[in-house]
């Protein structure tokens, strides 16, 4: 007499109705089509997962004029990726962006 799982859409709908579910805008982004257009596509991943500040700067220079840097950054933010350079932003910069967005949402919701 257990509940049988439904389609992905049904399960997503059921979960988002639950009071502890993450808001839709916080759902992880799974579309990765943009990755095929990135300047990083033919480079070793180690370039974007540096161990020092100089490596971060080198990766950021590559990302500076990448046509998909914004999509890359949003992917990392939405999926809470903690390591590496994504969209030209370091781990610390992405944490700041998330904090800033969270503060803005809180400020808007308290109006």
PDB file of N, CA and C in Angstrom:
ATOM      1  N   UNK A   1       0.816  -1.189   0.000  1.00  0.00           N
ATOM      2  CA  UNK A   1       0.000   0.000   0.000  1.00  0.00           C
ATOM      3  C   UNK A   1       0.861   1.254   0.000  1.00  0.00           C
ATOM      4  N   UNK A   2       2.167   1.134  -0.312  1.00  0.00           N
ATOM      5  CA  UNK A   2       3.059   2.298  -0.383  1.00  0.00           C
ATOM      6  C   UNK A   2       2.773   3.122  -1.619  1.00  0.00           C
ATOM      7  N   UNK A   3       3.141   4.394  -1.548  1.00  0.00           N
ATOM      8  CA  UNK A   3       2.925   5.287  -2.678  1.00  0.00           C
ATOM      9  C   UNK A   3       3.928   4.977  -3.777  1.00  0.00           C
ATOM     10  N   UNK A   4       3.420   4.814  -4.987  1.00  0.00           N
ATOM     11  CA  UNK A   4       4.297   4.553  -6.121  1.00  0.00           C
ATOM     12  C   UNK A   4       4.783   5.870  -6.694  1.00  0.00           C
ATOM     13  N   UNK A   5       6.064   5.957  -7.031  1.00  0.00           N
ATOM     14  CA  UNK A   5       6.574   7.208  -7.590  1.00  0.00           C
ATOM     15  C   UNK A   5       5.920   7.504  -8.931  1.00  0.00           C
ATOM     16  N   UNK A   6       5.659   8.789  -9.188  1.00  0.00           N
ATOM     17  CA  UNK A   6       5.077   9.215 -10.450  1.00  0.00           C
ATOM     18  C   UNK A   6       6.157   9.659 -11.410  1.00  0.00           C
ATOM     19  N   UNK A   7       5.756  10.471 -12.362  1.00  0.00           N
ATOM     20  CA  UNK A   7       6.719  11.010 -13.308  1.00  0.00           C
ATOM     21  C   UNK A   7       7.599  12.033 -12.598  1.00  0.00           C
ATOM     22  N   UNK A   8       8.650  12.440 -13.261  1.00  0.00           N
ATOM     23  CA  UNK A   8       9.544  13.446 -12.703  1.00  0.00           C
ATOM     24  C   UNK A   8       8.765  14.728 -12.422  1.00  0.00           C
ATOM     25  N   UNK A   9       7.905  15.111 -13.361  1.00  0.00           N
ATOM     26  CA  UNK A   9       7.113  16.332 -13.183  1.00  0.00           C
ATOM     27  C   UNK A   9       6.206  16.221 -11.965  1.00  0.00           C
ATOM     28  N   UNK A  10       5.572  15.067 -11.776  1.00  0.00           N
ATOM     29  CA  UNK A  10       4.687  14.872 -10.628  1.00  0.00           C
ATOM     30  C   UNK A  10       5.475  14.924  -9.321  1.00  0.00           C
ATOM     31  N   UNK A  11       6.617  14.286  -9.293  1.00  0.00           N
ATOM     32  CA  UNK A  11       7.440  14.284  -8.086  1.00  0.00           C
ATOM     33  C   UNK A  11       7.944  15.695  -7.782  1.00  0.00           C
ATOM     34  N   UNK A  12       8.368  16.429  -8.813  1.00  0.00           N
ATOM     35  CA  UNK A  12       8.826  17.795  -8.610  1.00  0.00           C
ATOM     36  C   UNK A  12       7.699  18.657  -8.070  1.00  0.00           C
ATOM     37  N   UNK A  13       6.528  18.507  -8.646  1.00  0.00           N
ATOM     38  CA  UNK A  13       5.371  19.272  -8.183  1.00  0.00           C
ATOM     39  C   UNK A  13       5.060  18.932  -6.731  1.00  0.00           C
ATOM     40  N   UNK A  14       5.083  17.651  -6.394  1.00  0.00           N
ATOM     41  CA  UNK A  14       4.801  17.224  -5.027  1.00  0.00           C
ATOM     42  C   UNK A  14       5.823  17.807  -4.057  1.00  0.00           C
ATOM     43  N   UNK A  15       7.087  17.770  -4.437  1.00  0.00           N
ATOM     44  CA  UNK A  15       8.136  18.266  -3.556  1.00  0.00           C
ATOM     45  C   UNK A  15       8.084  19.779  -3.390  1.00  0.00           C
ATOM     46  N   UNK A  16       7.747  20.494  -4.456  1.00  0.00           N
ATOM     47  CA  UNK A  16       7.734  21.952  -4.351  1.00  0.00           C
ATOM     48  C   UNK A  16       6.533  22.447  -3.557  1.00  0.00           C
ATOM     49  N   UNK A  17       5.528  21.618  -3.354  1.00  0.00           N
ATOM     50  CA  UNK A  17       4.390  21.995  -2.527  1.00  0.00           C
ATOM     51  C   UNK A  17       4.715  21.824  -1.046  1.00  0.00           C
ATOM     52  N   UNK A  18       5.724  21.046  -0.744  1.00  0.00           N
ATOM     53  CA  UNK A  18       6.108  20.795   0.640  1.00  0.00           C
ATOM     54  C   UNK A  18       6.692  22.072   1.229  1.00  0.00           C
ATOM     55  N   UNK A  19       6.391  22.372   2.454  1.00  0.00           N
ATOM     56  CA  UNK A  19       6.808  23.650   3.020  1.00  0.00           C
ATOM     57  C   UNK A  19       8.315  23.780   3.198  1.00  0.00           C
ATOM     58  N   UNK A  20       9.045  22.695   3.167  1.00  0.00           N
ATOM     59  CA  UNK A  20      10.492  22.771   3.322  1.00  0.00           C
ATOM     60  C   UNK A  20      11.220  22.706   1.981  1.00  0.00           C
ATOM     61  N   UNK A  21      10.498  22.639   0.903  1.00  0.00           N
ATOM     62  CA  UNK A  21      11.133  22.556  -0.412  1.00  0.00           C
ATOM     63  C   UNK A  21      11.836  23.868  -0.733  1.00  0.00           C
ATOM     64  N   UNK A  22      12.892  23.769  -1.505  1.00  0.00           N
ATOM     65  CA  UNK A  22      13.617  24.964  -1.935  1.00  0.00           C
ATOM     66  C   UNK A  22      12.753  25.722  -2.931  1.00  0.00           C
ATOM     67  N   UNK A  23      12.810  27.061  -2.935  1.00  0.00           N
ATOM     68  CA  UNK A  23      12.070  27.840  -3.922  1.00  0.00           C
ATOM     69  C   UNK A  23      12.533  27.480  -5.326  1.00  0.00           C
ATOM     70  N   UNK A  24      11.645  27.617  -6.302  1.00  0.00           N
ATOM     71  CA  UNK A  24      11.980  27.260  -7.679  1.00  0.00           C
ATOM     72  C   UNK A  24      13.237  27.962  -8.170  1.00  0.00           C
ATOM     73  N   UNK A  25      13.419  29.241  -7.813  1.00  0.00           N
ATOM     74  CA  UNK A  25      14.594  29.949  -8.295  1.00  0.00           C
ATOM     75  C   UNK A  25      15.877  29.379  -7.714  1.00  0.00           C
ATOM     76  N   UNK A  26      15.779  28.530  -6.705  1.00  0.00           N
ATOM     77  CA  UNK A  26      16.946  27.912  -6.090  1.00  0.00           C
ATOM     78  C   UNK A  26      17.195  26.507  -6.623  1.00  0.00           C
ATOM     79  N   UNK A  27      16.318  26.020  -7.483  1.00  0.00           N
ATOM     80  CA  UNK A  27      16.499  24.679  -8.038  1.00  0.00           C
ATOM     81  C   UNK A  27      17.790  24.638  -8.848  1.00  0.00           C
ATOM     82  N   UNK A  28      18.557  23.568  -8.743  1.00  0.00           N
ATOM     83  CA  UNK A  28      19.785  23.464  -9.530  1.00  0.00           C
ATOM     84  C   UNK A  28      19.507  23.541 -11.027  1.00  0.00           C
ATOM     85  N   UNK A  29      20.411  24.169 -11.729  1.00  0.00           N
ATOM     86  CA  UNK A  29      20.301  24.300 -13.169  1.00  0.00           C
ATOM     87  C   UNK A  29      21.000  23.106 -13.806  1.00  0.00           C
ATOM     88  N   UNK A  30      20.280  22.386 -14.641  1.00  0.00           N
ATOM     89  CA  UNK A  30      20.858  21.187 -15.224  1.00  0.00           C
ATOM     90  C   UNK A  30      21.220  21.348 -16.694  1.00  0.00           C
ATOM     91  N   UNK A  31      20.777  22.427 -17.327  1.00  0.00           N
ATOM     92  CA  UNK A  31      21.094  22.642 -18.732  1.00  0.00           C
ATOM     93  C   UNK A  31      22.569  22.986 -18.854  1.00  0.00           C
ATOM     94  N   UNK A  32      23.304  22.190 -19.587  1.00  0.00           N
ATOM     95  CA  UNK A  32      24.737  22.426 -19.745  1.00  0.00           C
ATOM     96  C   UNK A  32      25.130  22.637 -21.207  1.00  0.00           C
ATOM     97  N   UNK A  33      24.159  22.908 -22.047  1.00  0.00           N
ATOM     98  CA  UNK A  33      24.435  23.119 -23.470  1.00  0.00           C
ATOM     99  C   UNK A  33      25.442  24.251 -23.688  1.00  0.00           C
ATOM    100  N   UNK A  34      25.391  25.265 -22.844  1.00  0.00           N
ATOM    101  CA  UNK A  34      26.293  26.405 -22.965  1.00  0.00           C
ATOM    102  C   UNK A  34      27.758  25.999 -22.861  1.00  0.00           C
ATOM    103  N   UNK A  35      28.042  24.878 -22.207  1.00  0.00           N
ATOM    104  CA  UNK A  35      29.423  24.450 -22.008  1.00  0.00           C
ATOM    105  C   UNK A  35      30.158  24.190 -23.322  1.00  0.00           C
ATOM    106  N   UNK A  36      29.432  23.830 -24.350  1.00  0.00           N
ATOM    107  CA  UNK A  36      30.079  23.552 -25.639  1.00  0.00           C
ATOM    108  C   UNK A  36      30.609  24.817 -26.294  1.00  0.00           C
ATOM    109  N   UNK A  37      30.167  25.971 -25.819  1.00  0.00           N
ATOM    110  CA  UNK A  37      30.593  27.252 -26.395  1.00  0.00           C
ATOM    111  C   UNK A  37      31.669  27.953 -25.562  1.00  0.00           C
ATOM    112  N   UNK A  38      32.006  27.401 -24.411  1.00  0.00           N
ATOM    113  CA  UNK A  38      32.964  28.046 -23.520  1.00  0.00           C
ATOM    114  C   UNK A  38      34.393  28.003 -24.029  1.00  0.00           C
ATOM    115  N   UNK A  39      35.146  29.034 -23.692  1.00  0.00           N
ATOM    116  CA  UNK A  39      36.565  29.065 -24.061  1.00  0.00           C
ATOM    117  C   UNK A  39      37.343  27.961 -23.348  1.00  0.00           C
ATOM    118  N   UNK A  40      36.782  27.448 -22.289  1.00  0.00           N
ATOM    119  CA  UNK A  40      37.447  26.416 -21.491  1.00  0.00           C
ATOM    120  C   UNK A  40      37.297  25.008 -22.068  1.00  0.00           C
ATOM    121  N   UNK A  41      36.457  24.849 -23.057  1.00  0.00           N
ATOM    122  CA  UNK A  41      36.091  23.504 -23.526  1.00  0.00           C
ATOM    123  C   UNK A  41      37.273  22.649 -23.985  1.00  0.00           C
ATOM    124  N   UNK A  42      38.324  23.280 -24.464  1.00  0.00           N
ATOM    125  CA  UNK A  42      39.482  22.517 -24.949  1.00  0.00           C
ATOM    126  C   UNK A  42      40.697  22.645 -24.025  1.00  0.00           C
ATOM    127  N   UNK A  43      40.461  23.127 -22.825  1.00  0.00           N
ATOM    128  CA  UNK A  43      41.562  23.332 -21.891  1.00  0.00           C
ATOM    129  C   UNK A  43      41.496  22.299 -20.779  1.00  0.00           C
ATOM    130  N   UNK A  44      42.630  22.009 -20.159  1.00  0.00           N
ATOM    131  CA  UNK A  44      42.615  21.059 -19.040  1.00  0.00           C
ATOM    132  C   UNK A  44      41.846  21.652 -17.853  1.00  0.00           C
ATOM    133  N   UNK A  45      41.010  20.870 -17.206  1.00  0.00           N
ATOM    134  CA  UNK A  45      40.240  21.359 -16.052  1.00  0.00           C
ATOM    135  C   UNK A  45      41.120  21.952 -14.963  1.00  0.00           C
ATOM    136  N   UNK A  46      42.349  21.470 -14.833  1.00  0.00           N
ATOM    137  CA  UNK A  46      43.236  21.960 -13.773  1.00  0.00           C
ATOM    138  C   UNK A  46      43.464  23.472 -13.870  1.00  0.00           C
ATOM    139  N   UNK A  47      43.324  24.042 -15.062  1.00  0.00           N
ATOM    140  CA  UNK A  47      43.478  25.483 -15.237  1.00  0.00           C
ATOM    141  C   UNK A  47      42.419  26.231 -14.429  1.00  0.00           C
ATOM    142  N   UNK A  48      41.232  25.660 -14.316  1.00  0.00           N
ATOM    143  CA  UNK A  48      40.109  26.328 -13.662  1.00  0.00           C
ATOM    144  C   UNK A  48      39.906  25.876 -12.217  1.00  0.00           C
ATOM    145  N   UNK A  49      40.789  25.003 -11.755  1.00  0.00           N
ATOM    146  CA  UNK A  49      40.777  24.568 -10.362  1.00  0.00           C
ATOM    147  C   UNK A  49      42.179  24.751  -9.794  1.00  0.00           C
ATOM    148  N   UNK A  50      42.638  26.012  -9.781  1.00  0.00           N
ATOM    149  CA  UNK A  50      44.016  26.303  -9.359  1.00  0.00           C
ATOM    150  C   UNK A  50      44.192  26.193  -7.848  1.00  0.00           C
ATOM    151  N   UNK A  51      45.449  26.081  -7.462  1.00  0.00           N
ATOM    152  CA  UNK A  51      45.755  25.966  -6.033  1.00  0.00           C
ATOM    153  C   UNK A  51      46.273  27.271  -5.446  1.00  0.00           C
ATOM    154  N   UNK A  52      46.412  28.306  -6.285  1.00  0.00           N
ATOM    155  CA  UNK A  52      46.920  29.580  -5.771  1.00  0.00           C
ATOM    156  C   UNK A  52      46.257  30.762  -6.485  1.00  0.00           C
ATOM    157  N   UNK A  53      46.517  31.950  -5.962  1.00  0.00           N
ATOM    158  CA  UNK A  53      45.935  33.164  -6.511  1.00  0.00           C
ATOM    159  C   UNK A  53      46.356  33.463  -7.935  1.00  0.00           C
ATOM    160  N   UNK A  54      47.599  33.132  -8.281  1.00  0.00           N
ATOM    161  CA  UNK A  54      48.056  33.360  -9.649  1.00  0.00           C
ATOM    162  C   UNK A  54      47.285  32.495 -10.629  1.00  0.00           C
ATOM    163  N   UNK A  55      46.995  31.280 -10.223  1.00  0.00           N
ATOM    164  CA  UNK A  55      46.208  30.386 -11.070  1.00  0.00           C
ATOM    165  C   UNK A  55      44.794  30.908 -11.253  1.00  0.00           C
ATOM    166  N   UNK A  56      44.220  31.478 -10.190  1.00  0.00           N
ATOM    167  CA  UNK A  56      42.875  32.057 -10.278  1.00  0.00           C
ATOM    168  C   UNK A  56      42.883  33.201 -11.289  1.00  0.00           C
ATOM    169  N   UNK A  57      43.891  34.060 -11.207  1.00  0.00           N
ATOM    170  CA  UNK A  57      43.981  35.187 -12.138  1.00  0.00           C
ATOM    171  C   UNK A  57      44.138  34.720 -13.583  1.00  0.00           C
ATOM    172  N   UNK A  58      44.909  33.670 -13.791  1.00  0.00           N
ATOM    173  CA  UNK A  58      45.083  33.130 -15.150  1.00  0.00           C
ATOM    174  C   UNK A  58      43.751  32.613 -15.685  1.00  0.00           C
ATOM    175  N   UNK A  59      43.013  31.897 -14.854  1.00  0.00           N
ATOM    176  CA  UNK A  59      41.704  31.386 -15.271  1.00  0.00           C
ATOM    177  C   UNK A  59      40.744  32.537 -15.544  1.00  0.00           C
ATOM    178  N   UNK A  60      40.774  33.565 -14.707  1.00  0.00           N
ATOM    179  CA  UNK A  60      39.891  34.712 -14.902  1.00  0.00           C
ATOM    180  C   UNK A  60      40.195  35.447 -16.206  1.00  0.00           C
ATOM    181  N   UNK A  61      41.456  35.497 -16.605  1.00  0.00           N
ATOM    182  CA  UNK A  61      41.801  36.126 -17.888  1.00  0.00           C
ATOM    183  C   UNK A  61      41.193  35.349 -19.051  1.00  0.00           C
ATOM    184  N   UNK A  62      41.168  34.032 -18.943  1.00  0.00           N
ATOM    185  CA  UNK A  62      40.569  33.204 -19.991  1.00  0.00           C
ATOM    186  C   UNK A  62      39.064  33.469 -20.050  1.00  0.00           C
ATOM    187  N   UNK A  63      38.446  33.577 -18.898  1.00  0.00           N
ATOM    188  CA  UNK A  63      36.991  33.785 -18.821  1.00  0.00           C
ATOM    189  C   UNK A  63      36.568  35.195 -19.215  1.00  0.00           C
ATOM    190  N   UNK A  64      37.487  36.148 -19.182  1.00  0.00           N
ATOM    191  CA  UNK A  64      37.147  37.556 -19.349  1.00  0.00           C
ATOM    192  C   UNK A  64      36.334  37.848 -20.604  1.00  0.00           C
ATOM    193  N   UNK A  65      36.665  37.208 -21.703  1.00  0.00           N
ATOM    194  CA  UNK A  65      35.903  37.470 -22.926  1.00  0.00           C
ATOM    195  C   UNK A  65      35.221  36.205 -23.450  1.00  0.00           C
ATOM    196  N   UNK A  66      34.886  35.318 -22.539  1.00  0.00           N
ATOM    197  CA  UNK A  66      34.179  34.087 -22.904  1.00  0.00           C
ATOM    198  C   UNK A  66      32.714  34.421 -23.184  1.00  0.00           C
ATOM    199  N   UNK A  67      32.164  33.903 -24.276  1.00  0.00           N
ATOM    200  CA  UNK A  67      30.776  34.234 -24.623  1.00  0.00           C
ATOM    201  C   UNK A  67      29.728  33.633 -23.682  1.00  0.00           C
ATOM    202  N   UNK A  68      30.110  32.665 -22.869  1.00  0.00           N
ATOM    203  CA  UNK A  68      29.128  32.028 -21.978  1.00  0.00           C
ATOM    204  C   UNK A  68      29.471  32.222 -20.500  1.00  0.00           C
ATOM    205  N   UNK A  69      30.274  33.235 -20.188  1.00  0.00           N
ATOM    206  CA  UNK A  69      30.697  33.459 -18.802  1.00  0.00           C
ATOM    207  C   UNK A  69      29.502  33.665 -17.871  1.00  0.00           C
ATOM    208  N   UNK A  70      28.496  34.403 -18.323  1.00  0.00           N
ATOM    209  CA  UNK A  70      27.325  34.642 -17.459  1.00  0.00           C
ATOM    210  C   UNK A  70      26.579  33.346 -17.163  1.00  0.00           C
ATOM    211  N   UNK A  71      26.375  32.517 -18.174  1.00  0.00           N
ATOM    212  CA  UNK A  71      25.692  31.234 -17.970  1.00  0.00           C
ATOM    213  C   UNK A  71      26.518  30.328 -17.065  1.00  0.00           C
ATOM    214  N   UNK A  72      27.811  30.360 -17.242  1.00  0.00           N
ATOM    215  CA  UNK A  72      28.724  29.557 -16.427  1.00  0.00           C
ATOM    216  C   UNK A  72      28.642  29.974 -14.956  1.00  0.00           C
ATOM    217  N   UNK A  73      28.675  31.274 -14.729  1.00  0.00           N
ATOM    218  CA  UNK A  73      28.584  31.788 -13.362  1.00  0.00           C
ATOM    219  C   UNK A  73      27.242  31.403 -12.735  1.00  0.00           C
ATOM    220  N   UNK A  74      26.161  31.585 -13.462  1.00  0.00           N
ATOM    221  CA  UNK A  74      24.835  31.252 -12.922  1.00  0.00           C
ATOM    222  C   UNK A  74      24.712  29.763 -12.619  1.00  0.00           C
ATOM    223  N   UNK A  75      25.312  28.930 -13.461  1.00  0.00           N
ATOM    224  CA  UNK A  75      25.306  27.485 -13.223  1.00  0.00           C
ATOM    225  C   UNK A  75      26.004  27.173 -11.901  1.00  0.00           C
ATOM    226  N   UNK A  76      27.169  27.771 -11.691  1.00  0.00           N
ATOM    227  CA  UNK A  76      27.926  27.527 -10.464  1.00  0.00           C
ATOM    228  C   UNK A  76      27.166  28.027  -9.241  1.00  0.00           C
ATOM    229  N   UNK A  77      26.538  29.187  -9.353  1.00  0.00           N
ATOM    230  CA  UNK A  77      25.784  29.738  -8.231  1.00  0.00           C
ATOM    231  C   UNK A  77      24.563  28.877  -7.925  1.00  0.00           C
ATOM    232  N   UNK A  78      23.821  28.500  -8.950  1.00  0.00           N
ATOM    233  CA  UNK A  78      22.603  27.713  -8.755  1.00  0.00           C
ATOM    234  C   UNK A  78      22.889  26.341  -8.176  1.00  0.00           C
ATOM    235  N   UNK A  79      24.028  25.786  -8.541  1.00  0.00           N
ATOM    236  CA  UNK A  79      24.385  24.448  -8.085  1.00  0.00           C
ATOM    237  C   UNK A  79      25.335  24.458  -6.888  1.00  0.00           C
ATOM    238  N   UNK A  80      25.572  25.639  -6.350  1.00  0.00           N
ATOM    239  CA  UNK A  80      26.418  25.806  -5.160  1.00  0.00           C
ATOM    240  C   UNK A  80      27.778  25.116  -5.316  1.00  0.00           C
ATOM    241  N   UNK A  81      28.409  25.355  -6.471  1.00  0.00           N
ATOM    242  CA  UNK A  81      29.731  24.774  -6.716  1.00  0.00           C
ATOM    243  C   UNK A  81      30.752  25.590  -5.936  1.00  0.00           C
ATOM    244  N   UNK A  82      31.458  24.937  -5.035  1.00  0.00           N
ATOM    245  CA  UNK A  82      32.354  25.618  -4.113  1.00  0.00           C
ATOM    246  C   UNK A  82      33.770  25.808  -4.632  1.00  0.00           C
ATOM    247  N   UNK A  83      34.201  25.017  -5.575  1.00  0.00           N
ATOM    248  CA  UNK A  83      35.612  25.025  -5.972  1.00  0.00           C
ATOM    249  C   UNK A  83      35.788  25.505  -7.404  1.00  0.00           C
ATOM    250  N   UNK A  84      36.926  26.117  -7.640  1.00  0.00           N
ATOM    251  CA  UNK A  84      37.294  26.489  -8.988  1.00  0.00           C
ATOM    252  C   UNK A  84      36.814  27.863  -9.408  1.00  0.00           C
ATOM    253  N   UNK A  85      37.205  28.239 -10.617  1.00  0.00           N
ATOM    254  CA  UNK A  85      36.793  29.494 -11.228  1.00  0.00           C
ATOM    255  C   UNK A  85      35.680  29.178 -12.212  1.00  0.00           C
ATOM    256  N   UNK A  86      34.547  29.810 -12.029  1.00  0.00           N
ATOM    257  CA  UNK A  86      33.368  29.619 -12.888  1.00  0.00           C
ATOM    258  C   UNK A  86      32.870  30.987 -13.310  1.00  0.00           C
ATOM    259  N   UNK A  87      32.694  31.183 -14.594  1.00  0.00           N
ATOM    260  CA  UNK A  87      32.209  32.472 -15.072  1.00  0.00           C
ATOM    261  C   UNK A  87      33.137  33.613 -14.741  1.00  0.00           C
ATOM    262  N   UNK A  88      34.410  33.307 -14.587  1.00  0.00           N
ATOM    263  CA  UNK A  88      35.396  34.332 -14.279  1.00  0.00           C
ATOM    264  C   UNK A  88      35.418  34.761 -12.828  1.00  0.00           C
ATOM    265  N   UNK A  89      34.718  34.044 -11.972  1.00  0.00           N
ATOM    266  CA  UNK A  89      34.648  34.412 -10.554  1.00  0.00           C
ATOM    267  C   UNK A  89      35.268  33.329  -9.683  1.00  0.00           C
ATOM    268  N   UNK A  90      36.001  33.760  -8.689  1.00  0.00           N
ATOM    269  CA  UNK A  90      36.635  32.841  -7.750  1.00  0.00           C
ATOM    270  C   UNK A  90      35.604  32.320  -6.756  1.00  0.00           C
ATOM    271  N   UNK A  91      36.027  31.369  -5.952  1.00  0.00           N
ATOM    272  CA  UNK A  91      35.157  30.807  -4.914  1.00  0.00           C
ATOM    273  C   UNK A  91      34.675  31.902  -3.969  1.00  0.00           C
ATOM    274  N   UNK A  92      35.579  32.761  -3.545  1.00  0.00           N
ATOM    275  CA  UNK A  92      35.239  33.856  -2.616  1.00  0.00           C
ATOM    276  C   UNK A  92      34.249  34.827  -3.267  1.00  0.00           C
ATOM    277  N   UNK A  93      34.487  35.170  -4.523  1.00  0.00           N
ATOM    278  CA  UNK A  93      33.582  36.090  -5.218  1.00  0.00           C
ATOM    279  C   UNK A  93      32.183  35.501  -5.351  1.00  0.00           C
ATOM    280  N   UNK A  94      32.100  34.209  -5.623  1.00  0.00           N
ATOM    281  CA  UNK A  94      30.773  33.573  -5.739  1.00  0.00           C
ATOM    282  C   UNK A  94      30.057  33.544  -4.394  1.00  0.00           C
ATOM    283  N   UNK A  95      30.787  33.315  -3.303  1.00  0.00           N
ATOM    284  CA  UNK A  95      30.164  33.361  -1.975  1.00  0.00           C
ATOM    285  C   UNK A  95      29.598  34.752  -1.699  1.00  0.00           C
ATOM    286  N   UNK A  96      30.335  35.790  -2.081  1.00  0.00           N
ATOM    287  CA  UNK A  96      29.858  37.163  -1.892  1.00  0.00           C
ATOM    288  C   UNK A  96      28.587  37.419  -2.704  1.00  0.00           C
ATOM    289  N   UNK A  97      28.578  36.947  -3.931  1.00  0.00           N
ATOM    290  CA  UNK A  97      27.396  37.129  -4.782  1.00  0.00           C
ATOM    291  C   UNK A  97      26.189  36.448  -4.145  1.00  0.00           C
ATOM    292  N   UNK A  98      26.366  35.227  -3.681  1.00  0.00           N
ATOM    293  CA  UNK A  98      25.252  34.504  -3.048  1.00  0.00           C
ATOM    294  C   UNK A  98      24.762  35.223  -1.802  1.00  0.00           C
ATOM    295  N   UNK A  99      25.687  35.717  -0.981  1.00  0.00           N
ATOM    296  CA  UNK A  99      25.292  36.467   0.221  1.00  0.00           C
ATOM    297  C   UNK A  99      24.513  37.718  -0.157  1.00  0.00           C
ATOM    298  N   UNK A 100      24.986  38.416  -1.164  1.00  0.00           N
ATOM    299  CA  UNK A 100      24.336  39.643  -1.610  1.00  0.00           C
ATOM    300  C   UNK A 100      22.923  39.356  -2.125  1.00  0.00           C
ATOM    301  N   UNK A 101      22.783  38.301  -2.910  1.00  0.00           N
ATOM    302  CA  UNK A 101      21.457  37.938  -3.428  1.00  0.00           C
ATOM    303  C   UNK A 101      20.529  37.519  -2.300  1.00  0.00           C
ATOM    304  N   UNK A 102      21.057  36.781  -1.348  1.00  0.00           N
ATOM    305  CA  UNK A 102      20.246  36.347  -0.206  1.00  0.00           C
ATOM    306  C   UNK A 102      19.773  37.567   0.592  1.00  0.00           C
ATOM    307  N   UNK A 103      20.664  38.517   0.826  1.00  0.00           N
ATOM    308  CA  UNK A 103      20.306  39.744   1.556  1.00  0.00           C
ATOM    309  C   UNK A 103      19.249  40.538   0.801  1.00  0.00           C
ATOM    310  N   UNK A 104      19.394  40.608  -0.512  1.00  0.00           N
ATOM    311  CA  UNK A 104      18.413  41.338  -1.326  1.00  0.00           C
ATOM    312  C   UNK A 104      17.041  40.672  -1.254  1.00  0.00           C
ATOM    313  N   UNK A 105      17.014  39.328  -1.300  1.00  0.00           N
ATOM    314  CA  UNK A 105      15.726  38.605  -1.205  1.00  0.00           C
ATOM    315  C   UNK A 105      15.079  38.850   0.151  1.00  0.00           C
ATOM    316  N   UNK A 106      15.885  38.837   1.206  1.00  0.00           N
ATOM    317  CA  UNK A 106      15.363  39.065   2.548  1.00  0.00           C
ATOM    318  C   UNK A 106      14.801  40.478   2.659  1.00  0.00           C
ATOM    319  N   UNK A 107      15.543  41.445   2.125  1.00  0.00           N
ATOM    320  CA  UNK A 107      15.086  42.837   2.171  1.00  0.00           C
ATOM    321  C   UNK A 107      13.780  43.009   1.406  1.00  0.00           C
ATOM    322  N   UNK A 108      13.662  42.370   0.259  1.00  0.00           N
ATOM    323  CA  UNK A 108      12.430  42.470  -0.533  1.00  0.00           C
ATOM    324  C   UNK A 108      11.259  41.799   0.169  1.00  0.00           C
ATOM    325  N   UNK A 109      11.517  40.679   0.818  1.00  0.00           N
ATOM    326  CA  UNK A 109      10.421  39.947   1.464  1.00  0.00           C
ATOM    327  C   UNK A 109       9.949  40.628   2.739  1.00  0.00           C
ATOM    328  N   UNK A 110      10.758  41.515   3.307  1.00  0.00           N
ATOM    329  CA  UNK A 110      10.355  42.189   4.536  1.00  0.00           C
ATOM    330  C   UNK A 110       9.622  43.499   4.284  1.00  0.00           C
ATOM    331  N   UNK A 111       9.438  43.835   3.023  1.00  0.00           N
ATOM    332  CA  UNK A 111       8.719  45.080   2.675  1.00  0.00           C
ATOM    333  C   UNK A 111       7.241  44.920   2.806  1.00  0.00           C
TER     334      UNK A 111
END
